[in-house]
Amino acid sequence: MAHPKRRQSSTRRDKRRTHYKATMPQIAVCGVTGEAHLYHRAYWHEGIMYYKGKVVVDNTAPAQAEA
């Protein structure tokens, strides 16, 4: 079995891997709000958090004091 005589430096290893570039993130447009957002991520729109077109958190409603 062949083995390298010397360890290859991390610089040489990283030079070999330079072909992998960062890609642009995919952007989706919500059908409910029309807001552009990242796929599979919740997003805020006018104080309301949406995920998959449904309301997850609503910060616009006033907080009710518990007695």
C-alpha atoms as a PDB file:
ATOM      1  CA  MET A   1       0.000   0.000   0.000  1.00  0.00           C
ATOM      2  CA  ALA A   2       1.380   3.419  -0.941  1.00  0.00           C
ATOM      3  CA  HIS A   3       1.943   5.990   1.791  1.00  0.00           C
ATOM      4  CA  PRO A   4       3.182   9.557   1.367  1.00  0.00           C
ATOM      5  CA  LYS A   5       6.716  10.071   2.591  1.00  0.00           C
ATOM      6  CA  ARG A   6       5.907  13.575   3.872  1.00  0.00           C
ATOM      7  CA  ARG A   7       2.736  15.065   5.239  1.00  0.00           C
ATOM      8  CA  GLN A   8       1.075  17.464   2.819  1.00  0.00           C
ATOM      9  CA  SER A   9       0.661  20.951   4.249  1.00  0.00           C
ATOM     10  CA  SER A  10      -2.749  22.403   4.989  1.00  0.00           C
ATOM     11  CA  THR A  11      -2.067  25.148   2.435  1.00  0.00           C
ATOM     12  CA  ARG A  12      -1.591  22.628  -0.358  1.00  0.00           C
ATOM     13  CA  ARG A  13      -4.680  20.730   0.780  1.00  0.00           C
ATOM     14  CA  ASP A  14      -6.755  23.926   0.820  1.00  0.00           C
ATOM     15  CA  LYS A  15      -5.517  24.934  -2.635  1.00  0.00           C
ATOM     16  CA  ARG A  16      -6.922  21.688  -3.950  1.00  0.00           C
ATOM     17  CA  ARG A  17     -10.323  22.469  -2.433  1.00  0.00           C
ATOM     18  CA  THR A  18     -10.696  25.997  -3.814  1.00  0.00           C
ATOM     19  CA  HIS A  19     -13.128  24.887  -6.508  1.00  0.00           C
ATOM     20  CA  TYR A  20     -15.972  24.716  -3.992  1.00  0.00           C
ATOM     21  CA  LYS A  21     -17.469  28.189  -4.005  1.00  0.00           C
ATOM     22  CA  ALA A  22     -20.225  29.590  -1.836  1.00  0.00           C
ATOM     23  CA  THR A  23     -23.547  29.629  -3.653  1.00  0.00           C
ATOM     24  CA  MET A  24     -26.240  32.263  -3.500  1.00  0.00           C
ATOM     25  CA  PRO A  25     -29.027  31.372  -1.041  1.00  0.00           C
ATOM     26  CA  GLN A  26     -32.363  30.516  -2.606  1.00  0.00           C
ATOM     27  CA  ILE A  27     -35.063  33.102  -2.027  1.00  0.00           C
ATOM     28  CA  ALA A  28     -38.767  32.292  -1.845  1.00  0.00           C
ATOM     29  CA  VAL A  29     -41.700  34.696  -2.090  1.00  0.00           C
ATOM     30  CA  CYS A  30     -44.559  34.120   0.326  1.00  0.00           C
ATOM     31  CA  GLY A  31     -47.954  33.769  -1.308  1.00  0.00           C
ATOM     32  CA  VAL A  32     -49.707  35.280   1.710  1.00  0.00           C
ATOM     33  CA  THR A  33     -47.598  38.365   2.416  1.00  0.00           C
ATOM     34  CA  GLY A  34     -45.548  38.713  -0.769  1.00  0.00           C
ATOM     35  CA  GLU A  35     -42.395  38.979   1.359  1.00  0.00           C
ATOM     36  CA  ALA A  36     -39.103  37.519   0.070  1.00  0.00           C
ATOM     37  CA  HIS A  37     -37.437  35.153   2.555  1.00  0.00           C
ATOM     38  CA  LEU A  38     -35.070  32.201   2.765  1.00  0.00           C
ATOM     39  CA  TYR A  39     -36.495  28.738   2.196  1.00  0.00           C
ATOM     40  CA  HIS A  40     -37.324  26.737   5.350  1.00  0.00           C
ATOM     41  CA  ARG A  41     -36.954  29.791   7.594  1.00  0.00           C
ATOM     42  CA  ALA A  42     -39.483  31.764   9.583  1.00  0.00           C
ATOM     43  CA  TYR A  43     -39.541  35.484   8.823  1.00  0.00           C
ATOM     44  CA  TRP A  44     -40.965  38.689  10.293  1.00  0.00           C
ATOM     45  CA  HIS A  45     -43.404  40.881   8.379  1.00  0.00           C
ATOM     46  CA  GLU A  46     -44.966  43.928  10.067  1.00  0.00           C
ATOM     47  CA  GLY A  47     -44.501  42.532  13.583  1.00  0.00           C
ATOM     48  CA  ILE A  48     -45.855  39.069  12.747  1.00  0.00           C
ATOM     49  CA  MET A  49     -43.691  35.969  12.302  1.00  0.00           C
ATOM     50  CA  TYR A  50     -44.727  33.645   9.475  1.00  0.00           C
ATOM     51  CA  TYR A  51     -43.613  30.125   8.584  1.00  0.00           C
ATOM     52  CA  LYS A  52     -45.040  28.231   5.604  1.00  0.00           C
ATOM     53  CA  GLY A  53     -47.661  30.947   5.148  1.00  0.00           C
ATOM     54  CA  LYS A  54     -49.030  30.593   8.681  1.00  0.00           C
ATOM     55  CA  VAL A  55     -48.738  32.940  11.658  1.00  0.00           C
ATOM     56  CA  VAL A  56     -46.306  31.646  14.277  1.00  0.00           C
ATOM     57  CA  VAL A  57     -45.848  34.690  16.564  1.00  0.00           C
ATOM     58  CA  ASP A  58     -48.008  37.811  16.622  1.00  0.00           C
ATOM     59  CA  ASN A  59     -46.380  40.781  18.385  1.00  0.00           C
ATOM     60  CA  THR A  60     -48.925  43.311  17.160  1.00  0.00           C
ATOM     61  CA  ALA A  61     -51.619  42.294  19.674  1.00  0.00           C
ATOM     62  CA  PRO A  62     -51.344  44.043  23.071  1.00  0.00           C
ATOM     63  CA  ALA A  63     -50.179  41.820  25.882  1.00  0.00           C
ATOM     64  CA  GLN A  64     -52.952  40.877  28.275  1.00  0.00           C
ATOM     65  CA  ALA A  65     -52.183  41.241  31.981  1.00  0.00           C
ATOM     66  CA  GLU A  66     -52.901  38.120  33.962  1.00  0.00           C
ATOM     67  CA  ALA A  67     -54.761  38.672  37.227  1.00  0.00           C
END
